Structures are given as C-alpha cells and as structure tokens.
Amino acid sequence: MSPRAACRLEALGFEQVYDYTAGIADWKAAGLPVEGTESPGLRIADATRPDIPTAQPHETVGTARQRASEAGWDEALVVDCEGIVVGRLRGSAWEADDELTVDAVMELGPTTVRPDGSLHSLLGRMNERGTKLVVVSDPQGHLIGVVLAGDAQRLATGEPPERIWKDCDSCPGRWSPAEQTS
C-alpha cells in the first residue's frame, strides 16, 4: 500500500499498518492473503510442483544428471546459492562430459512466471507454444517450482489434486494463497 494509504489507515485508528513498498503484485506473488470480492479462479500456484531437481552452477554435469535421473526427471533447474533461477538443464546439455561444470552447458535465464497469475491464461500460452514445462519463481527470482502442462490441464478440467499429484508429497502448489490462509 502507498504511504498515503498507510497514513490514512493510522488516522482511522488502525494500529498495525505497514507501508509495503514492494507493492501488491509482489504481495500476491509471495502467496500472501488478500481480501476482496474478486474471485481469483485457478492460479499458477495451484498447479505448481516444487519437486523439480536443482543444481548449482559449480556442480558437475554428472552430479546433476544423476540427481535428476534418481528423481525421475529429464530436466533440472540451475539455482545460485540464494535459490535464484539462473539456468536450465535439458536435452543436449545431458550429453555433455560428466566432468564439465553445469554453468558451461546450461541454458541461461529461463523464462519464469509468478504464482499469482491465472492458470487458464498460462495454459493458453503453453498450448500455443507447445511448452510442456514452465518455471515458477517469486518476484526476486527465487525458485518456487514448475508447472507441467499435463498436470495443469487436468487440474483446469476439474480433476482432484490428490489424483494428479499422488506421486508428489509436497504438491500441489505449496505457495497457493488458499493453503497459506488455512
């Protein structure tokens, strides 16, 4: 909220008022509760699974490949020491020599989306482009998880989450605002 709004609320007697300078978009993207009458519908957070394997830039390709394989994934995301998404490993990157470092073969700067966006809009874009996986991060770039097109489509058509993510203990969408407030 703006400083002016915070001041007005204090004048009305509210005692715990904060000037959240990052803005409402940041607030929503963090999965924090909001009030109002607008129905958000399904959000990206509702289809986000956090269990994608990660690697750090200094690790070897062999180590990252083994981690992804053991987790049953054919992709991994590269995050820095603060958990910020900096790259992606998939396809031909896995064919690189085991001793090369991840930063030598990773795709730089993958596209990310925020968890508060509309799942239906994202699905439309994914279908148009033939995208099977989209990275979800907070506004500062910290990894939250990924949306898989198949899972998101099943959720959007009303399939129960417990059937979609029976193989993932921390799914669906641990960042979902609905789960944050319950």
C-alpha atoms as a PDB file:
ATOM      1  CA  MET A   1       0.000   0.000   0.000  1.00  0.00           C
ATOM      2  CA  SER A   2       1.104   3.526  -0.519  1.00  0.00           C
ATOM      3  CA  PRO A   3       2.447   5.739   2.285  1.00  0.00           C
ATOM      4  CA  ARG A   4      -0.639   7.918   1.888  1.00  0.00           C
ATOM      5  CA  ALA A   5      -2.956   4.940   2.380  1.00  0.00           C
ATOM      6  CA  ALA A   6      -0.958   3.777   5.404  1.00  0.00           C
ATOM      7  CA  CYS A   7      -1.214   7.235   6.940  1.00  0.00           C
ATOM      8  CA  ARG A   8      -4.976   7.320   6.346  1.00  0.00           C
ATOM      9  CA  LEU A   9      -5.472   3.922   7.974  1.00  0.00           C
ATOM     10  CA  GLU A  10      -3.492   5.063  11.011  1.00  0.00           C
ATOM     11  CA  ALA A  11      -5.705   8.152  11.216  1.00  0.00           C
ATOM     12  CA  LEU A  12      -8.742   5.846  11.220  1.00  0.00           C
ATOM     13  CA  GLY A  13      -7.404   4.005  14.265  1.00  0.00           C
ATOM     14  CA  PHE A  14      -5.620   1.012  12.778  1.00  0.00           C
ATOM     15  CA  GLU A  15      -2.565   0.318  14.920  1.00  0.00           C
ATOM     16  CA  GLN A  16      -0.603  -2.185  12.842  1.00  0.00           C
ATOM     17  CA  VAL A  17      -0.201  -0.572   9.445  1.00  0.00           C
ATOM     18  CA  TYR A  18       2.794  -1.199   7.229  1.00  0.00           C
ATOM     19  CA  ASP A  19       3.992   0.547   4.118  1.00  0.00           C
ATOM     20  CA  TYR A  20       4.675  -2.465   1.908  1.00  0.00           C
ATOM     21  CA  THR A  21       6.862  -0.770  -0.668  1.00  0.00           C
ATOM     22  CA  ALA A  22       7.245  -3.769  -2.957  1.00  0.00           C
ATOM     23  CA  GLY A  23       3.593  -3.440  -3.981  1.00  0.00           C
ATOM     24  CA  ILE A  24       0.508  -5.605  -4.276  1.00  0.00           C
ATOM     25  CA  ALA A  25       1.859  -7.683  -7.170  1.00  0.00           C
ATOM     26  CA  ASP A  26       4.818  -8.739  -5.028  1.00  0.00           C
ATOM     27  CA  TRP A  27       2.484  -9.443  -2.097  1.00  0.00           C
ATOM     28  CA  LYS A  28       0.246 -11.687  -4.221  1.00  0.00           C
ATOM     29  CA  ALA A  29       3.189 -13.405  -5.897  1.00  0.00           C
ATOM     30  CA  ALA A  30       4.500 -14.365  -2.468  1.00  0.00           C
ATOM     31  CA  GLY A  31       1.211 -16.173  -1.858  1.00  0.00           C
ATOM     32  CA  LEU A  32       0.199 -13.850   0.955  1.00  0.00           C
ATOM     33  CA  PRO A  33      -3.505 -13.459   1.737  1.00  0.00           C
ATOM     34  CA  VAL A  34      -5.576 -10.753   0.094  1.00  0.00           C
ATOM     35  CA  GLU A  35      -9.135  -9.671   0.666  1.00  0.00           C
ATOM     36  CA  GLY A  36     -11.816  -8.605  -1.723  1.00  0.00           C
ATOM     37  CA  THR A  37     -14.702  -9.837  -3.797  1.00  0.00           C
ATOM     38  CA  GLU A  38     -12.831 -10.716  -6.995  1.00  0.00           C
ATOM     39  CA  SER A  39     -12.665 -14.475  -7.442  1.00  0.00           C
ATOM     40  CA  PRO A  40      -9.135 -15.363  -8.499  1.00  0.00           C
ATOM     41  CA  GLY A  41     -10.078 -18.705 -10.079  1.00  0.00           C
ATOM     42  CA  LEU A  42      -7.266 -21.176 -10.502  1.00  0.00           C
ATOM     43  CA  ARG A  43      -3.856 -19.605 -10.052  1.00  0.00           C
ATOM     44  CA  ILE A  44      -0.489 -20.806 -11.266  1.00  0.00           C
ATOM     45  CA  ALA A  45       0.354 -21.620  -7.642  1.00  0.00           C
ATOM     46  CA  ASP A  46      -2.457 -24.169  -7.616  1.00  0.00           C
ATOM     47  CA  ALA A  47      -0.603 -26.248 -10.244  1.00  0.00           C
ATOM     48  CA  THR A  48       2.983 -25.627  -9.112  1.00  0.00           C
ATOM     49  CA  ARG A  49       5.020 -28.603  -8.034  1.00  0.00           C
ATOM     50  CA  PRO A  50       8.226 -27.859  -6.100  1.00  0.00           C
ATOM     51  CA  ASP A  51       9.930 -31.225  -6.588  1.00  0.00           C
ATOM     52  CA  ILE A  52      11.965 -30.498  -9.729  1.00  0.00           C
ATOM     53  CA  PRO A  53      15.652 -31.332  -9.218  1.00  0.00           C
ATOM     54  CA  THR A  54      18.089 -28.451  -8.926  1.00  0.00           C
ATOM     55  CA  ALA A  55      21.789 -27.998  -9.470  1.00  0.00           C
ATOM     56  CA  GLN A  56      24.242 -25.224  -8.750  1.00  0.00           C
ATOM     57  CA  PRO A  57      26.435 -23.695 -11.470  1.00  0.00           C
ATOM     58  CA  HIS A  58      29.693 -25.041  -9.988  1.00  0.00           C
ATOM     59  CA  GLU A  59      28.486 -28.666  -9.784  1.00  0.00           C
ATOM     60  CA  THR A  60      29.452 -31.205 -12.413  1.00  0.00           C
ATOM     61  CA  VAL A  61      27.076 -32.303 -15.139  1.00  0.00           C
ATOM     62  CA  GLY A  62      27.482 -35.890 -13.908  1.00  0.00           C
ATOM     63  CA  THR A  63      26.276 -34.979 -10.418  1.00  0.00           C
ATOM     64  CA  ALA A  64      23.308 -33.018 -11.768  1.00  0.00           C
ATOM     65  CA  ARG A  65      22.400 -35.779 -14.246  1.00  0.00           C
ATOM     66  CA  GLN A  66      22.427 -38.410 -11.505  1.00  0.00           C
ATOM     67  CA  ARG A  67      20.244 -36.250  -9.227  1.00  0.00           C
ATOM     68  CA  ALA A  68      17.690 -35.652 -11.993  1.00  0.00           C
ATOM     69  CA  SER A  69      17.664 -39.307 -13.023  1.00  0.00           C
ATOM     70  CA  GLU A  70      17.161 -40.539  -9.456  1.00  0.00           C
ATOM     71  CA  ALA A  71      14.239 -38.128  -9.078  1.00  0.00           C
ATOM     72  CA  GLY A  72      12.674 -39.353 -12.343  1.00  0.00           C
ATOM     73  CA  TRP A  73      13.061 -36.068 -14.247  1.00  0.00           C
ATOM     74  CA  ASP A  74      14.680 -35.356 -17.617  1.00  0.00           C
ATOM     75  CA  GLU A  75      15.253 -31.702 -16.689  1.00  0.00           C
ATOM     76  CA  ALA A  76      16.803 -29.781 -13.819  1.00  0.00           C
ATOM     77  CA  LEU A  77      16.883 -26.128 -12.922  1.00  0.00           C
ATOM     78  CA  VAL A  78      20.069 -24.314 -12.032  1.00  0.00           C
ATOM     79  CA  VAL A  79      19.885 -22.054  -8.989  1.00  0.00           C
ATOM     80  CA  ASP A  80      22.519 -19.914  -7.336  1.00  0.00           C
ATOM     81  CA  CYS A  81      23.414 -20.092  -3.637  1.00  0.00           C
ATOM     82  CA  GLU A  82      20.345 -17.976  -2.787  1.00  0.00           C
ATOM     83  CA  GLY A  83      17.915 -20.161  -4.755  1.00  0.00           C
ATOM     84  CA  ILE A  84      17.572 -17.742  -7.671  1.00  0.00           C
ATOM     85  CA  VAL A  85      16.914 -19.416 -11.026  1.00  0.00           C
ATOM     86  CA  VAL A  86      19.876 -18.833 -13.343  1.00  0.00           C
ATOM     87  CA  GLY A  87      19.604 -21.668 -15.848  1.00  0.00           C
ATOM     88  CA  ARG A  88      18.086 -24.901 -17.051  1.00  0.00           C
ATOM     89  CA  LEU A  89      19.468 -28.332 -17.929  1.00  0.00           C
ATOM     90  CA  ARG A  90      17.712 -30.472 -20.524  1.00  0.00           C
ATOM     91  CA  GLY A  91      18.162 -32.124 -23.903  1.00  0.00           C
ATOM     92  CA  SER A  92      21.696 -31.896 -25.277  1.00  0.00           C
ATOM     93  CA  ALA A  93      23.068 -30.494 -22.003  1.00  0.00           C
ATOM     94  CA  TRP A  94      22.790 -34.009 -20.566  1.00  0.00           C
ATOM     95  CA  GLU A  95      25.073 -35.334 -23.319  1.00  0.00           C
ATOM     96  CA  ALA A  96      27.983 -33.202 -22.091  1.00  0.00           C
ATOM     97  CA  ASP A  97      31.012 -34.719 -20.401  1.00  0.00           C
ATOM     98  CA  ASP A  98      30.366 -35.675 -16.756  1.00  0.00           C
ATOM     99  CA  GLU A  99      33.248 -33.524 -15.514  1.00  0.00           C
ATOM    100  CA  LEU A 100      32.106 -30.272 -17.131  1.00  0.00           C
ATOM    101  CA  THR A 101      30.501 -27.782 -14.800  1.00  0.00           C
ATOM    102  CA  VAL A 102      26.798 -27.076 -15.078  1.00  0.00           C
ATOM    103  CA  ASP A 103      27.401 -23.404 -15.912  1.00  0.00           C
ATOM    104  CA  ALA A 104      29.288 -24.458 -19.057  1.00  0.00           C
ATOM    105  CA  VAL A 105      26.288 -26.265 -20.573  1.00  0.00           C
ATOM    106  CA  MET A 106      23.129 -24.792 -19.020  1.00  0.00           C
ATOM    107  CA  GLU A 107      20.567 -22.702 -20.884  1.00  0.00           C
ATOM    108  CA  LEU A 108      20.846 -19.217 -19.427  1.00  0.00           C
ATOM    109  CA  GLY A 109      17.954 -17.270 -17.935  1.00  0.00           C
ATOM    110  CA  PRO A 110      14.893 -19.437 -18.474  1.00  0.00           C
ATOM    111  CA  THR A 111      11.554 -17.670 -18.699  1.00  0.00           C
ATOM    112  CA  THR A 112       9.657 -17.647 -15.409  1.00  0.00           C
ATOM    113  CA  VAL A 113       6.121 -16.817 -14.309  1.00  0.00           C
ATOM    114  CA  ARG A 114       4.712 -15.699 -10.966  1.00  0.00           C
ATOM    115  CA  PRO A 115       2.479 -17.934  -8.831  1.00  0.00           C
ATOM    116  CA  ASP A 116      -0.378 -15.416  -8.627  1.00  0.00           C
ATOM    117  CA  GLY A 117      -1.079 -15.400 -12.382  1.00  0.00           C
ATOM    118  CA  SER A 118      -4.099 -17.051 -13.992  1.00  0.00           C
ATOM    119  CA  LEU A 119      -3.603 -20.755 -14.659  1.00  0.00           C
ATOM    120  CA  HIS A 120      -6.039 -20.671 -17.593  1.00  0.00           C
ATOM    121  CA  SER A 121      -4.074 -17.854 -19.271  1.00  0.00           C
ATOM    122  CA  LEU A 122      -0.809 -19.712 -18.751  1.00  0.00           C
ATOM    123  CA  LEU A 123      -2.288 -22.906 -20.198  1.00  0.00           C
ATOM    124  CA  GLY A 124      -3.378 -20.976 -23.285  1.00  0.00           C
ATOM    125  CA  ARG A 125       0.159 -19.660 -23.808  1.00  0.00           C
ATOM    126  CA  MET A 126       1.678 -23.088 -23.158  1.00  0.00           C
ATOM    127  CA  ASN A 127      -0.650 -24.713 -25.701  1.00  0.00           C
ATOM    128  CA  GLU A 128       0.086 -22.031 -28.331  1.00  0.00           C
ATOM    129  CA  ARG A 129       3.838 -22.555 -27.980  1.00  0.00           C
ATOM    130  CA  GLY A 130       3.869 -26.291 -27.326  1.00  0.00           C
ATOM    131  CA  THR A 131       5.527 -25.729 -23.949  1.00  0.00           C
ATOM    132  CA  LYS A 132       5.484 -28.683 -21.557  1.00  0.00           C
ATOM    133  CA  LEU A 133       7.108 -27.063 -18.501  1.00  0.00           C
ATOM    134  CA  VAL A 134       7.153 -23.510 -17.130  1.00  0.00           C
ATOM    135  CA  VAL A 135       9.325 -22.307 -14.248  1.00  0.00           C
ATOM    136  CA  VAL A 136       7.589 -20.511 -11.362  1.00  0.00           C
ATOM    137  CA  SER A 137       9.545 -18.009  -9.268  1.00  0.00           C
ATOM    138  CA  ASP A 138       8.853 -15.199  -6.856  1.00  0.00           C
ATOM    139  CA  PRO A 139       9.392 -11.589  -7.986  1.00  0.00           C
ATOM    140  CA  GLN A 140      13.030 -11.715  -6.876  1.00  0.00           C
ATOM    141  CA  GLY A 141      13.697 -14.816  -8.988  1.00  0.00           C
ATOM    142  CA  HIS A 142      13.741 -17.452  -6.222  1.00  0.00           C
ATOM    143  CA  LEU A 143      12.594 -20.844  -7.450  1.00  0.00           C
ATOM    144  CA  ILE A 144       9.161 -21.948  -6.265  1.00  0.00           C
ATOM    145  CA  GLY A 145       8.652 -24.858  -8.649  1.00  0.00           C
ATOM    146  CA  VAL A 146       7.333 -25.733 -12.081  1.00  0.00           C
ATOM    147  CA  VAL A 147       4.015 -26.143 -13.855  1.00  0.00           C
ATOM    148  CA  LEU A 148       3.733 -29.188 -16.086  1.00  0.00           C
ATOM    149  CA  ALA A 149       1.246 -28.725 -18.919  1.00  0.00           C
ATOM    150  CA  GLY A 150      -0.382 -32.122 -18.422  1.00  0.00           C
ATOM    151  CA  ASP A 151      -0.895 -31.620 -14.687  1.00  0.00           C
ATOM    152  CA  ALA A 152      -2.229 -28.101 -15.172  1.00  0.00           C
ATOM    153  CA  GLN A 153      -4.667 -29.245 -17.854  1.00  0.00           C
ATOM    154  CA  ARG A 154      -6.000 -31.992 -15.594  1.00  0.00           C
ATOM    155  CA  LEU A 155      -6.458 -29.519 -12.735  1.00  0.00           C
ATOM    156  CA  ALA A 156      -8.174 -26.998 -15.016  1.00  0.00           C
ATOM    157  CA  THR A 157     -10.685 -29.630 -16.140  1.00  0.00           C
ATOM    158  CA  GLY A 158     -11.625 -30.388 -12.540  1.00  0.00           C
ATOM    159  CA  GLU A 159      -9.617 -33.497 -11.736  1.00  0.00           C
ATOM    160  CA  PRO A 160      -8.956 -33.696  -7.972  1.00  0.00           C
ATOM    161  CA  PRO A 161      -5.425 -32.631  -6.955  1.00  0.00           C
ATOM    162  CA  GLU A 162      -4.898 -35.774  -4.888  1.00  0.00           C
ATOM    163  CA  ARG A 163      -5.220 -37.862  -8.081  1.00  0.00           C
ATOM    164  CA  ILE A 164      -2.970 -35.608 -10.144  1.00  0.00           C
ATOM    165  CA  TRP A 165      -0.110 -35.417  -7.650  1.00  0.00           C
ATOM    166  CA  LYS A 166      -0.280 -38.754  -5.882  1.00  0.00           C
ATOM    167  CA  ASP A 167       3.472 -39.141  -6.562  1.00  0.00           C
ATOM    168  CA  CYS A 168       4.450 -35.797  -5.012  1.00  0.00           C
ATOM    169  CA  ASP A 169       4.210 -35.294  -1.253  1.00  0.00           C
ATOM    170  CA  SER A 170       4.616 -31.521  -1.422  1.00  0.00           C
ATOM    171  CA  CYS A 171       2.173 -30.944  -4.312  1.00  0.00           C
ATOM    172  CA  PRO A 172       0.089 -29.182  -5.415  1.00  0.00           C
ATOM    173  CA  GLY A 173       1.166 -25.590  -5.107  1.00  0.00           C
ATOM    174  CA  ARG A 174       2.548 -25.236  -1.609  1.00  0.00           C
ATOM    175  CA  TRP A 175       2.571 -21.499  -2.368  1.00  0.00           C
ATOM    176  CA  SER A 176      -1.159 -21.394  -3.015  1.00  0.00           C
ATOM    177  CA  PRO A 177      -2.800 -18.472  -1.185  1.00  0.00           C
ATOM    178  CA  ALA A 178      -5.692 -20.779  -0.269  1.00  0.00           C
ATOM    179  CA  GLU A 179      -3.286 -23.071   1.557  1.00  0.00           C
ATOM    180  CA  GLN A 180      -1.449 -20.173   3.196  1.00  0.00           C
ATOM    181  CA  THR A 181      -4.586 -18.902   4.931  1.00  0.00           C
ATOM    182  CA  SER A 182      -5.985 -22.217   6.113  1.00  0.00           C
END
